[in-house]
Amino acid sequence: MIAITIMLAPTVKIFLEKRAEISALEGEIASRKAEQTELNKQISRWQDPNYVKQQARDRINMVMPGETGYWVFGGEEAAGTPGGRTGSGSSANPENLPWVDALWESIRRSATD
């Protein structure tokens, strides 16, 4: 009985390790299928011409022929203080802004100061 147990112990250990590996891989497969489903939904959305137009308007500020596009600068600042200025004369700390906004803020300050 002891000899049989000693002979079967490594086999049982390998079996349990493989079962754990299989269950981990099944979990990964399930997550990949969920990701694939979400990507298929995005693909189907991009097949819709109205969705493409809406994304073009939102992301790159495109307008349809005959329309006029307007940009409003300082809309958030204007609500805080008269004239859209803060007490220090600059709208935000350039270190906290994305590089494009920091560049634009630098250009704006050089033009107005």
N, C-alpha and C. Protein backbone atom coordinates (compact mmCIF):
# COMPACT_ATOMS: atom_id res chain seq x y z
N MET A 1 0.82 -1.19 0.00
CA MET A 1 0.00 0.00 0.00
C MET A 1 0.87 1.26 0.00
N ILE A 2 1.93 1.24 0.80
CA ILE A 2 2.84 2.39 0.86
C ILE A 2 3.57 2.54 -0.48
N ALA A 3 3.96 1.48 -1.08
CA ALA A 3 4.66 1.53 -2.37
C ALA A 3 3.76 2.12 -3.44
N ILE A 4 2.49 1.72 -3.43
CA ILE A 4 1.55 2.26 -4.42
C ILE A 4 1.36 3.76 -4.19
N THR A 5 1.26 4.17 -2.95
CA THR A 5 1.10 5.60 -2.64
C THR A 5 2.31 6.38 -3.10
N ILE A 6 3.49 5.86 -2.85
CA ILE A 6 4.72 6.54 -3.27
C ILE A 6 4.80 6.62 -4.79
N MET A 7 4.35 5.60 -5.48
CA MET A 7 4.40 5.60 -6.94
C MET A 7 3.36 6.55 -7.54
N LEU A 8 2.20 6.69 -6.89
CA LEU A 8 1.13 7.53 -7.43
C LEU A 8 1.26 8.99 -7.02
N ALA A 9 1.99 9.32 -5.99
CA ALA A 9 2.07 10.70 -5.49
C ALA A 9 2.55 11.68 -6.57
N PRO A 10 3.64 11.41 -7.29
CA PRO A 10 4.05 12.36 -8.34
C PRO A 10 3.00 12.50 -9.44
N THR A 11 2.36 11.41 -9.78
CA THR A 11 1.35 11.45 -10.83
C THR A 11 0.16 12.30 -10.40
N VAL A 12 -0.28 12.15 -9.17
CA VAL A 12 -1.40 12.95 -8.66
C VAL A 12 -1.00 14.42 -8.60
N LYS A 13 0.23 14.70 -8.18
CA LYS A 13 0.72 16.07 -8.12
C LYS A 13 0.70 16.70 -9.51
N ILE A 14 1.20 15.98 -10.51
CA ILE A 14 1.21 16.49 -11.88
C ILE A 14 -0.22 16.70 -12.37
N PHE A 15 -1.10 15.77 -12.06
CA PHE A 15 -2.51 15.89 -12.44
C PHE A 15 -3.12 17.16 -11.87
N LEU A 16 -2.90 17.43 -10.59
CA LEU A 16 -3.47 18.62 -9.96
C LEU A 16 -2.86 19.90 -10.54
N GLU A 17 -1.57 19.90 -10.82
CA GLU A 17 -0.95 21.07 -11.43
C GLU A 17 -1.52 21.34 -12.82
N LYS A 18 -1.73 20.30 -13.58
CA LYS A 18 -2.28 20.47 -14.93
C LYS A 18 -3.73 20.95 -14.88
N ARG A 19 -4.50 20.47 -13.91
CA ARG A 19 -5.88 20.93 -13.76
C ARG A 19 -5.91 22.42 -13.43
N ALA A 20 -4.99 22.87 -12.55
CA ALA A 20 -4.91 24.29 -12.21
C ALA A 20 -4.51 25.12 -13.44
N GLU A 21 -3.59 24.60 -14.23
CA GLU A 21 -3.16 25.29 -15.44
C GLU A 21 -4.30 25.38 -16.44
N ILE A 22 -5.06 24.31 -16.57
CA ILE A 22 -6.21 24.30 -17.49
C ILE A 22 -7.25 25.32 -17.05
N SER A 23 -7.55 25.39 -15.76
CA SER A 23 -8.56 26.35 -15.30
C SER A 23 -8.06 27.78 -15.49
N ALA A 24 -6.75 28.04 -15.31
CA ALA A 24 -6.22 29.38 -15.56
C ALA A 24 -6.34 29.74 -17.04
N LEU A 25 -6.05 28.79 -17.91
CA LEU A 25 -6.16 29.04 -19.35
C LEU A 25 -7.61 29.23 -19.78
N GLU A 26 -8.54 28.51 -19.16
CA GLU A 26 -9.95 28.71 -19.47
C GLU A 26 -10.41 30.10 -19.06
N GLY A 27 -9.91 30.59 -17.93
CA GLY A 27 -10.22 31.96 -17.52
C GLY A 27 -9.67 32.98 -18.49
N GLU A 28 -8.46 32.74 -18.99
CA GLU A 28 -7.86 33.63 -19.97
C GLU A 28 -8.65 33.61 -21.28
N ILE A 29 -9.10 32.43 -21.67
CA ILE A 29 -9.91 32.31 -22.89
C ILE A 29 -11.21 33.10 -22.74
N ALA A 30 -11.83 33.00 -21.57
CA ALA A 30 -13.08 33.73 -21.33
C ALA A 30 -12.85 35.24 -21.40
N SER A 31 -11.74 35.71 -20.83
CA SER A 31 -11.47 37.16 -20.88
C SER A 31 -11.17 37.61 -22.30
N ARG A 32 -10.46 36.78 -23.07
CA ARG A 32 -10.17 37.13 -24.47
C ARG A 32 -11.45 37.14 -25.31
N LYS A 33 -12.37 36.22 -25.02
CA LYS A 33 -13.64 36.22 -25.77
C LYS A 33 -14.45 37.48 -25.45
N ALA A 34 -14.42 37.90 -24.18
CA ALA A 34 -15.13 39.14 -23.81
C ALA A 34 -14.50 40.33 -24.52
N GLU A 35 -13.17 40.36 -24.58
CA GLU A 35 -12.46 41.43 -25.29
C GLU A 35 -12.80 41.40 -26.78
N GLN A 36 -12.87 40.20 -27.34
CA GLN A 36 -13.20 40.07 -28.76
C GLN A 36 -14.63 40.56 -29.02
N THR A 37 -15.54 40.26 -28.13
CA THR A 37 -16.92 40.72 -28.28
C THR A 37 -16.97 42.24 -28.27
N GLU A 38 -16.24 42.86 -27.34
CA GLU A 38 -16.21 44.32 -27.27
C GLU A 38 -15.60 44.92 -28.53
N LEU A 39 -14.54 44.32 -29.05
CA LEU A 39 -13.93 44.82 -30.28
C LEU A 39 -14.87 44.65 -31.48
N ASN A 40 -15.62 43.56 -31.51
CA ASN A 40 -16.60 43.38 -32.60
C ASN A 40 -17.68 44.43 -32.52
N LYS A 41 -18.09 44.80 -31.30
CA LYS A 41 -19.08 45.88 -31.15
C LYS A 41 -18.53 47.19 -31.69
N GLN A 42 -17.25 47.47 -31.39
CA GLN A 42 -16.64 48.70 -31.89
C GLN A 42 -16.55 48.68 -33.41
N ILE A 43 -16.22 47.54 -33.98
CA ILE A 43 -16.15 47.43 -35.45
C ILE A 43 -17.52 47.70 -36.05
N SER A 44 -18.57 47.14 -35.47
CA SER A 44 -19.91 47.35 -36.02
C SER A 44 -20.33 48.82 -35.87
N ARG A 45 -19.90 49.49 -34.80
CA ARG A 45 -20.21 50.91 -34.65
C ARG A 45 -19.54 51.72 -35.74
N TRP A 46 -18.28 51.38 -36.06
CA TRP A 46 -17.56 52.14 -37.07
C TRP A 46 -18.09 51.88 -38.48
N GLN A 47 -18.92 50.86 -38.66
CA GLN A 47 -19.54 50.60 -39.96
C GLN A 47 -20.70 51.56 -40.22
N ASP A 48 -21.21 52.19 -39.15
CA ASP A 48 -22.34 53.11 -39.26
C ASP A 48 -21.84 54.50 -39.68
N PRO A 49 -22.28 55.03 -40.83
CA PRO A 49 -21.80 56.34 -41.28
C PRO A 49 -22.12 57.48 -40.31
N ASN A 50 -23.25 57.40 -39.62
CA ASN A 50 -23.60 58.45 -38.66
C ASN A 50 -22.63 58.46 -37.48
N TYR A 51 -22.19 57.30 -37.03
CA TYR A 51 -21.23 57.22 -35.93
C TYR A 51 -19.88 57.79 -36.38
N VAL A 52 -19.49 57.51 -37.62
CA VAL A 52 -18.23 58.04 -38.13
C VAL A 52 -18.29 59.57 -38.19
N LYS A 53 -19.42 60.12 -38.65
CA LYS A 53 -19.58 61.57 -38.70
C LYS A 53 -19.50 62.18 -37.31
N GLN A 54 -20.17 61.54 -36.36
CA GLN A 54 -20.17 62.05 -34.98
C GLN A 54 -18.76 62.03 -34.39
N GLN A 55 -18.01 60.96 -34.65
CA GLN A 55 -16.65 60.87 -34.13
C GLN A 55 -15.75 61.91 -34.80
N ALA A 56 -15.95 62.15 -36.09
CA ALA A 56 -15.15 63.17 -36.79
C ALA A 56 -15.43 64.55 -36.21
N ARG A 57 -16.68 64.82 -35.88
CA ARG A 57 -17.03 66.10 -35.28
C ARG A 57 -16.40 66.24 -33.89
N ASP A 58 -16.50 65.18 -33.08
CA ASP A 58 -16.02 65.24 -31.70
C ASP A 58 -14.50 65.22 -31.61
N ARG A 59 -13.87 64.34 -32.36
CA ARG A 59 -12.43 64.13 -32.20
C ARG A 59 -11.56 65.12 -32.95
N ILE A 60 -11.93 65.45 -34.17
CA ILE A 60 -11.07 66.34 -34.96
C ILE A 60 -11.80 67.59 -35.42
N ASN A 61 -12.94 67.89 -34.81
CA ASN A 61 -13.67 69.15 -35.01
C ASN A 61 -14.01 69.41 -36.47
N MET A 62 -14.41 68.38 -37.19
CA MET A 62 -14.82 68.56 -38.57
C MET A 62 -16.26 69.07 -38.60
N VAL A 63 -16.60 69.80 -39.65
CA VAL A 63 -17.96 70.28 -39.85
C VAL A 63 -18.41 69.87 -41.25
N MET A 64 -19.69 69.78 -41.42
CA MET A 64 -20.25 69.44 -42.73
C MET A 64 -20.20 70.66 -43.64
N PRO A 65 -20.20 70.46 -44.96
CA PRO A 65 -20.21 71.60 -45.87
C PRO A 65 -21.42 72.48 -45.60
N GLY A 66 -21.18 73.77 -45.53
CA GLY A 66 -22.25 74.73 -45.27
C GLY A 66 -22.40 75.07 -43.80
N GLU A 67 -21.80 74.31 -42.91
CA GLU A 67 -21.87 74.61 -41.48
C GLU A 67 -20.70 75.51 -41.10
N THR A 68 -20.86 76.20 -39.99
CA THR A 68 -19.79 77.04 -39.45
C THR A 68 -19.39 76.49 -38.10
N GLY A 69 -18.11 76.21 -37.94
CA GLY A 69 -17.63 75.71 -36.66
C GLY A 69 -17.13 76.85 -35.79
N TYR A 70 -17.42 76.77 -34.50
CA TYR A 70 -16.98 77.79 -33.55
C TYR A 70 -16.18 77.12 -32.45
N TRP A 71 -15.12 77.81 -32.02
CA TRP A 71 -14.32 77.36 -30.89
C TRP A 71 -14.47 78.40 -29.80
N VAL A 72 -14.73 77.96 -28.61
CA VAL A 72 -14.84 78.87 -27.48
C VAL A 72 -13.64 78.63 -26.58
N PHE A 73 -12.82 79.64 -26.40
CA PHE A 73 -11.65 79.53 -25.54
C PHE A 73 -11.95 80.20 -24.21
N GLY A 74 -11.49 79.58 -23.15
CA GLY A 74 -11.64 80.19 -21.83
C GLY A 74 -13.03 80.06 -21.25
N GLY A 75 -13.81 79.14 -21.73
CA GLY A 75 -15.18 78.98 -21.22
C GLY A 75 -15.20 78.61 -19.75
N GLU A 76 -14.28 77.75 -19.31
CA GLU A 76 -14.24 77.35 -17.90
C GLU A 76 -13.67 78.45 -17.03
N GLU A 77 -12.73 79.21 -17.54
CA GLU A 77 -12.11 80.29 -16.78
C GLU A 77 -13.09 81.43 -16.56
N ALA A 78 -13.90 81.72 -17.57
CA ALA A 78 -14.80 82.86 -17.49
C ALA A 78 -15.82 82.70 -16.39
N ALA A 79 -16.16 81.49 -16.03
CA ALA A 79 -17.14 81.27 -14.98
C ALA A 79 -16.58 81.61 -13.61
N GLY A 80 -15.25 81.52 -13.43
CA GLY A 80 -14.65 81.73 -12.12
C GLY A 80 -14.47 83.19 -11.75
N THR A 81 -13.91 83.99 -12.63
CA THR A 81 -13.60 85.39 -12.31
C THR A 81 -13.96 86.26 -13.49
N PRO A 82 -14.20 87.55 -13.25
CA PRO A 82 -14.49 88.44 -14.38
C PRO A 82 -13.29 88.52 -15.32
N GLY A 83 -13.58 88.51 -16.58
CA GLY A 83 -12.52 88.61 -17.59
C GLY A 83 -11.81 87.30 -17.83
N GLY A 84 -12.17 86.27 -17.13
CA GLY A 84 -11.58 84.97 -17.36
C GLY A 84 -10.20 84.83 -16.79
N ARG A 85 -9.76 85.70 -15.90
CA ARG A 85 -8.41 85.63 -15.35
C ARG A 85 -8.45 85.22 -13.90
N THR A 86 -7.43 84.51 -13.50
CA THR A 86 -7.27 84.18 -12.10
C THR A 86 -6.42 85.26 -11.44
N GLY A 87 -6.21 85.16 -10.17
CA GLY A 87 -5.48 86.18 -9.45
C GLY A 87 -4.04 86.32 -9.88
N SER A 88 -3.37 85.28 -10.29
CA SER A 88 -1.96 85.35 -10.63
C SER A 88 -1.72 85.79 -12.07
N GLY A 89 -2.75 85.87 -12.88
CA GLY A 89 -2.59 86.30 -14.26
C GLY A 89 -2.43 85.15 -15.23
N SER A 90 -2.20 83.91 -14.76
CA SER A 90 -2.13 82.76 -15.65
C SER A 90 -3.26 81.82 -15.31
N SER A 91 -3.74 81.10 -16.29
CA SER A 91 -4.92 80.28 -16.09
C SER A 91 -4.63 78.97 -15.37
N ALA A 92 -3.43 78.43 -15.53
CA ALA A 92 -3.12 77.15 -14.88
C ALA A 92 -1.62 77.00 -14.77
N ASN A 93 -1.21 76.13 -13.90
CA ASN A 93 0.20 75.82 -13.75
C ASN A 93 0.63 75.00 -14.96
N PRO A 94 1.60 75.46 -15.76
CA PRO A 94 1.99 74.73 -16.97
C PRO A 94 2.51 73.34 -16.69
N GLU A 95 3.01 73.08 -15.49
CA GLU A 95 3.51 71.75 -15.17
C GLU A 95 2.39 70.72 -15.09
N ASN A 96 1.17 71.17 -14.81
CA ASN A 96 0.04 70.25 -14.66
C ASN A 96 -0.72 70.03 -15.96
N LEU A 97 -0.36 70.74 -17.03
CA LEU A 97 -1.07 70.64 -18.30
C LEU A 97 -0.39 69.64 -19.23
N PRO A 98 -1.16 69.03 -20.15
CA PRO A 98 -0.53 68.24 -21.21
C PRO A 98 0.34 69.16 -22.06
N TRP A 99 1.31 68.60 -22.76
CA TRP A 99 2.29 69.42 -23.47
C TRP A 99 1.65 70.33 -24.50
N VAL A 100 0.59 69.87 -25.17
CA VAL A 100 -0.05 70.70 -26.19
C VAL A 100 -0.72 71.90 -25.53
N ASP A 101 -1.41 71.67 -24.42
CA ASP A 101 -2.06 72.76 -23.72
C ASP A 101 -1.04 73.72 -23.11
N ALA A 102 0.09 73.18 -22.61
CA ALA A 102 1.14 74.04 -22.07
C ALA A 102 1.73 74.91 -23.17
N LEU A 103 1.92 74.35 -24.35
CA LEU A 103 2.42 75.12 -25.48
C LEU A 103 1.45 76.23 -25.85
N TRP A 104 0.16 75.88 -25.94
CA TRP A 104 -0.85 76.87 -26.28
C TRP A 104 -0.92 77.96 -25.22
N GLU A 105 -0.83 77.59 -23.95
CA GLU A 105 -0.87 78.56 -22.86
C GLU A 105 0.34 79.49 -22.95
N SER A 106 1.50 78.96 -23.30
CA SER A 106 2.70 79.79 -23.45
C SER A 106 2.53 80.78 -24.59
N ILE A 107 1.97 80.33 -25.70
CA ILE A 107 1.73 81.22 -26.85
C ILE A 107 0.73 82.30 -26.47
N ARG A 108 -0.34 81.89 -25.79
CA ARG A 108 -1.38 82.86 -25.39
C ARG A 108 -0.81 83.91 -24.44
N ARG A 109 0.00 83.48 -23.47
CA ARG A 109 0.57 84.44 -22.51
C ARG A 109 1.54 85.39 -23.20
N SER A 110 2.33 84.88 -24.16
CA SER A 110 3.27 85.76 -24.84
C SER A 110 2.55 86.80 -25.71
N ALA A 111 1.37 86.45 -26.20
CA ALA A 111 0.63 87.37 -27.04
C ALA A 111 -0.13 88.42 -26.22
N THR A 112 -0.52 88.07 -25.00
CA THR A 112 -1.36 88.99 -24.21
C THR A 112 -0.58 89.75 -23.15
N ASP A 113 0.58 89.27 -22.74
CA ASP A 113 1.34 89.95 -21.66
C ASP A 113 2.30 90.95 -22.21
